[in-house]
Amino acid sequence: GGHSEGVLFDEGVPESVAGLIKLLPLEIPVIHVAWSGEMIMSTRSYDLGPDRKENETRLPRDGDISWDPSFGEIAFTYGTVECKMQTGYNTIVVIGRLQGALDEFASFCRARRFEGLGTVTLSIVE
């Protein structure tokens, strides 16, 4: 029931963002990550185009919207994160950032740990 606005980056990750824009609007089923920290991720895979990681990082920031070409997961960071898997460190591509107060979004994300599946809808606002 909440709403947040954000930006998609047009520098550093042009192919990944172009691929995401082609899919919008998009309803993304999400769950809480197991290994990385304060982040939710899609429960299904999305092909945004490039098979390489444009401008990859393993330390996304609060509010970052990201994508992992290795698994096709779209993720949303709401706090402290260091991308890991059971087998070790991982990297992701940060494609955008939520803006404004993220308190409501963080509450929604935390609830995914105990309440399970949720949905995040991404769309372009003119």
C-alpha atoms as a PDB file:
ATOM      1  CA  GLY A   1       0.000   0.000   0.000  1.00  0.00           C
ATOM      2  CA  GLY A   2       3.006   2.343   0.151  1.00  0.00           C
ATOM      3  CA  HIS A   3       4.531   4.508  -2.553  1.00  0.00           C
ATOM      4  CA  SER A   4       8.054   5.694  -3.245  1.00  0.00           C
ATOM      5  CA  GLU A   5       9.690   7.386  -6.192  1.00  0.00           C
ATOM      6  CA  GLY A   6      13.181   6.866  -7.463  1.00  0.00           C
ATOM      7  CA  VAL A   7      15.507   7.264 -10.392  1.00  0.00           C
ATOM      8  CA  LEU A   8      17.029   4.854 -12.872  1.00  0.00           C
ATOM      9  CA  PHE A   9      20.648   5.562 -13.714  1.00  0.00           C
ATOM     10  CA  ASP A  10      21.510   6.596 -17.267  1.00  0.00           C
ATOM     11  CA  GLU A  11      25.293   6.416 -16.768  1.00  0.00           C
ATOM     12  CA  GLY A  12      27.394   3.370 -15.967  1.00  0.00           C
ATOM     13  CA  VAL A  13      24.630   0.808 -16.520  1.00  0.00           C
ATOM     14  CA  PRO A  14      22.942   1.767 -19.823  1.00  0.00           C
ATOM     15  CA  GLU A  15      22.212  -1.749 -21.111  1.00  0.00           C
ATOM     16  CA  SER A  16      20.766  -3.030 -17.829  1.00  0.00           C
ATOM     17  CA  VAL A  17      18.511   0.013 -17.390  1.00  0.00           C
ATOM     18  CA  ALA A  18      17.349  -0.106 -21.027  1.00  0.00           C
ATOM     19  CA  GLY A  19      16.404  -3.750 -20.490  1.00  0.00           C
ATOM     20  CA  LEU A  20      14.431  -2.909 -17.350  1.00  0.00           C
ATOM     21  CA  ILE A  21      12.568  -0.040 -19.023  1.00  0.00           C
ATOM     22  CA  LYS A  22      11.391  -2.428 -21.764  1.00  0.00           C
ATOM     23  CA  LEU A  23       9.722  -4.602 -19.090  1.00  0.00           C
ATOM     24  CA  LEU A  24       7.932  -1.783 -17.222  1.00  0.00           C
ATOM     25  CA  PRO A  25       5.424  -1.697 -15.652  1.00  0.00           C
ATOM     26  CA  LEU A  26       6.529  -4.704 -13.647  1.00  0.00           C
ATOM     27  CA  GLU A  27       5.074  -6.464 -10.593  1.00  0.00           C
ATOM     28  CA  ILE A  28       7.934  -8.170  -8.781  1.00  0.00           C
ATOM     29  CA  PRO A  29       7.286 -10.883  -6.179  1.00  0.00           C
ATOM     30  CA  VAL A  30       9.938 -10.449  -3.463  1.00  0.00           C
ATOM     31  CA  ILE A  31      11.311 -12.223  -0.400  1.00  0.00           C
ATOM     32  CA  HIS A  32      14.001 -11.295   2.100  1.00  0.00           C
ATOM     33  CA  VAL A  33      17.555 -12.345   1.208  1.00  0.00           C
ATOM     34  CA  ALA A  34      19.218 -15.031   3.307  1.00  0.00           C
ATOM     35  CA  TRP A  35      22.903 -14.069   3.344  1.00  0.00           C
ATOM     36  CA  SER A  36      23.539 -10.430   2.442  1.00  0.00           C
ATOM     37  CA  GLY A  37      21.754  -8.336   5.061  1.00  0.00           C
ATOM     38  CA  GLU A  38      18.977  -5.768   4.727  1.00  0.00           C
ATOM     39  CA  MET A  39      17.737  -6.478   1.213  1.00  0.00           C
ATOM     40  CA  ILE A  40      14.769  -8.042  -0.555  1.00  0.00           C
ATOM     41  CA  MET A  41      15.038  -9.859  -3.886  1.00  0.00           C
ATOM     42  CA  SER A  42      12.773 -11.111  -6.640  1.00  0.00           C
ATOM     43  CA  THR A  43      11.550 -14.674  -6.464  1.00  0.00           C
ATOM     44  CA  ARG A  44      11.828 -15.044 -10.213  1.00  0.00           C
ATOM     45  CA  SER A  45      14.458 -14.236 -12.809  1.00  0.00           C
ATOM     46  CA  TYR A  46      14.364 -11.211 -15.138  1.00  0.00           C
ATOM     47  CA  ASP A  47      16.430 -10.931 -18.306  1.00  0.00           C
ATOM     48  CA  LEU A  48      17.451  -7.288 -18.665  1.00  0.00           C
ATOM     49  CA  GLY A  49      19.861  -7.977 -21.506  1.00  0.00           C
ATOM     50  CA  PRO A  50      23.578  -7.906 -20.818  1.00  0.00           C
ATOM     51  CA  ASP A  51      25.142 -11.119 -19.557  1.00  0.00           C
ATOM     52  CA  ARG A  52      27.994  -9.214 -17.942  1.00  0.00           C
ATOM     53  CA  LYS A  53      27.863  -7.079 -14.819  1.00  0.00           C
ATOM     54  CA  GLU A  54      28.009  -3.403 -15.765  1.00  0.00           C
ATOM     55  CA  ASN A  55      29.735  -1.388 -13.034  1.00  0.00           C
ATOM     56  CA  GLU A  56      29.384  -4.193 -10.461  1.00  0.00           C
ATOM     57  CA  THR A  57      29.567  -3.766  -6.689  1.00  0.00           C
ATOM     58  CA  ARG A  58      29.182  -5.976  -3.642  1.00  0.00           C
ATOM     59  CA  LEU A  59      28.319  -3.072  -1.308  1.00  0.00           C
ATOM     60  CA  PRO A  60      25.008  -1.499  -2.370  1.00  0.00           C
ATOM     61  CA  ARG A  61      23.678   1.443  -0.391  1.00  0.00           C
ATOM     62  CA  ASP A  62      20.402   2.073   1.385  1.00  0.00           C
ATOM     63  CA  GLY A  63      17.714   2.662  -1.263  1.00  0.00           C
ATOM     64  CA  ASP A  64      19.584   1.038  -4.159  1.00  0.00           C
ATOM     65  CA  ILE A  65      17.688  -0.916  -6.817  1.00  0.00           C
ATOM     66  CA  SER A  66      19.901  -3.627  -8.282  1.00  0.00           C
ATOM     67  CA  TRP A  67      20.034  -6.563 -10.658  1.00  0.00           C
ATOM     68  CA  ASP A  68      22.221  -9.663 -10.724  1.00  0.00           C
ATOM     69  CA  PRO A  69      22.766 -10.907 -14.298  1.00  0.00           C
ATOM     70  CA  SER A  70      24.079 -14.241 -12.977  1.00  0.00           C
ATOM     71  CA  PHE A  71      20.673 -15.133 -11.533  1.00  0.00           C
ATOM     72  CA  GLY A  72      18.360 -12.486 -13.029  1.00  0.00           C
ATOM     73  CA  GLU A  73      17.292 -11.253  -9.579  1.00  0.00           C
ATOM     74  CA  ILE A  74      16.110  -7.688  -9.048  1.00  0.00           C
ATOM     75  CA  ALA A  75      16.788  -6.515  -5.493  1.00  0.00           C
ATOM     76  CA  PHE A  76      16.082  -3.550  -3.230  1.00  0.00           C
ATOM     77  CA  THR A  77      18.416  -2.503  -0.414  1.00  0.00           C
ATOM     78  CA  TYR A  78      16.901  -0.953   2.719  1.00  0.00           C
ATOM     79  CA  GLY A  79      19.905  -0.902   5.053  1.00  0.00           C
ATOM     80  CA  THR A  80      23.360  -2.391   5.502  1.00  0.00           C
ATOM     81  CA  VAL A  81      24.286  -4.984   2.868  1.00  0.00           C
ATOM     82  CA  GLU A  82      27.338  -6.891   1.722  1.00  0.00           C
ATOM     83  CA  CYS A  83      26.392  -9.193  -1.149  1.00  0.00           C
ATOM     84  CA  LYS A  84      27.123 -12.795  -0.200  1.00  0.00           C
ATOM     85  CA  MET A  85      25.958 -16.245  -1.003  1.00  0.00           C
ATOM     86  CA  GLN A  86      26.471 -19.453   0.921  1.00  0.00           C
ATOM     87  CA  THR A  87      29.526 -20.055  -1.269  1.00  0.00           C
ATOM     88  CA  GLY A  88      31.098 -16.607  -0.747  1.00  0.00           C
ATOM     89  CA  TYR A  89      30.913 -13.037  -1.975  1.00  0.00           C
ATOM     90  CA  ASN A  90      28.771 -11.933  -4.912  1.00  0.00           C
ATOM     91  CA  THR A  91      28.456  -8.744  -6.945  1.00  0.00           C
ATOM     92  CA  ILE A  92      25.401  -6.987  -8.395  1.00  0.00           C
ATOM     93  CA  VAL A  93      24.626  -4.106 -10.753  1.00  0.00           C
ATOM     94  CA  VAL A  94      23.023  -1.027  -9.165  1.00  0.00           C
ATOM     95  CA  ILE A  95      20.514   0.298 -11.710  1.00  0.00           C
ATOM     96  CA  GLY A  96      18.655   2.915  -9.689  1.00  0.00           C
ATOM     97  CA  ARG A  97      17.853   4.403  -6.325  1.00  0.00           C
ATOM     98  CA  LEU A  98      14.713   5.017  -4.306  1.00  0.00           C
ATOM     99  CA  GLN A  99      14.467   8.598  -3.075  1.00  0.00           C
ATOM    100  CA  GLY A 100      12.915  10.252  -0.069  1.00  0.00           C
ATOM    101  CA  ALA A 101      12.113   8.820   3.323  1.00  0.00           C
ATOM    102  CA  LEU A 102      12.517   5.063   3.188  1.00  0.00           C
ATOM    103  CA  ASP A 103      11.049   4.230   6.606  1.00  0.00           C
ATOM    104  CA  GLU A 104       7.812   2.708   5.231  1.00  0.00           C
ATOM    105  CA  PHE A 105       9.711   0.773   2.585  1.00  0.00           C
ATOM    106  CA  ALA A 106      12.153  -0.555   5.194  1.00  0.00           C
ATOM    107  CA  SER A 107       9.208  -1.747   7.328  1.00  0.00           C
ATOM    108  CA  PHE A 108       7.748  -3.557   4.308  1.00  0.00           C
ATOM    109  CA  CYS A 109      11.138  -5.164   3.618  1.00  0.00           C
ATOM    110  CA  ARG A 110      11.703  -6.278   7.212  1.00  0.00           C
ATOM    111  CA  ALA A 111       8.250  -7.866   7.205  1.00  0.00           C
ATOM    112  CA  ARG A 112       9.329 -10.134   4.345  1.00  0.00           C
ATOM    113  CA  ARG A 113      11.599 -11.977   6.824  1.00  0.00           C
ATOM    114  CA  PHE A 114       8.648 -13.101   8.939  1.00  0.00           C
ATOM    115  CA  GLU A 115       5.552 -12.681   6.746  1.00  0.00           C
ATOM    116  CA  GLY A 116       7.057 -14.066   3.538  1.00  0.00           C
ATOM    117  CA  LEU A 117       6.224 -13.072  -0.007  1.00  0.00           C
ATOM    118  CA  GLY A 118       5.389  -9.486  -0.951  1.00  0.00           C
ATOM    119  CA  THR A 119       5.099  -7.534  -4.184  1.00  0.00           C
ATOM    120  CA  VAL A 120       6.944  -4.447  -5.422  1.00  0.00           C
ATOM    121  CA  THR A 121       5.569  -2.693  -8.495  1.00  0.00           C
ATOM    122  CA  LEU A 122       7.904  -0.661 -10.700  1.00  0.00           C
ATOM    123  CA  SER A 123       6.476   1.775 -13.232  1.00  0.00           C
ATOM    124  CA  ILE A 124       7.522   4.966 -14.966  1.00  0.00           C
ATOM    125  CA  VAL A 125       5.956   8.151 -13.635  1.00  0.00           C
ATOM    126  CA  GLU A 126       5.765  11.009 -16.104  1.00  0.00           C
END
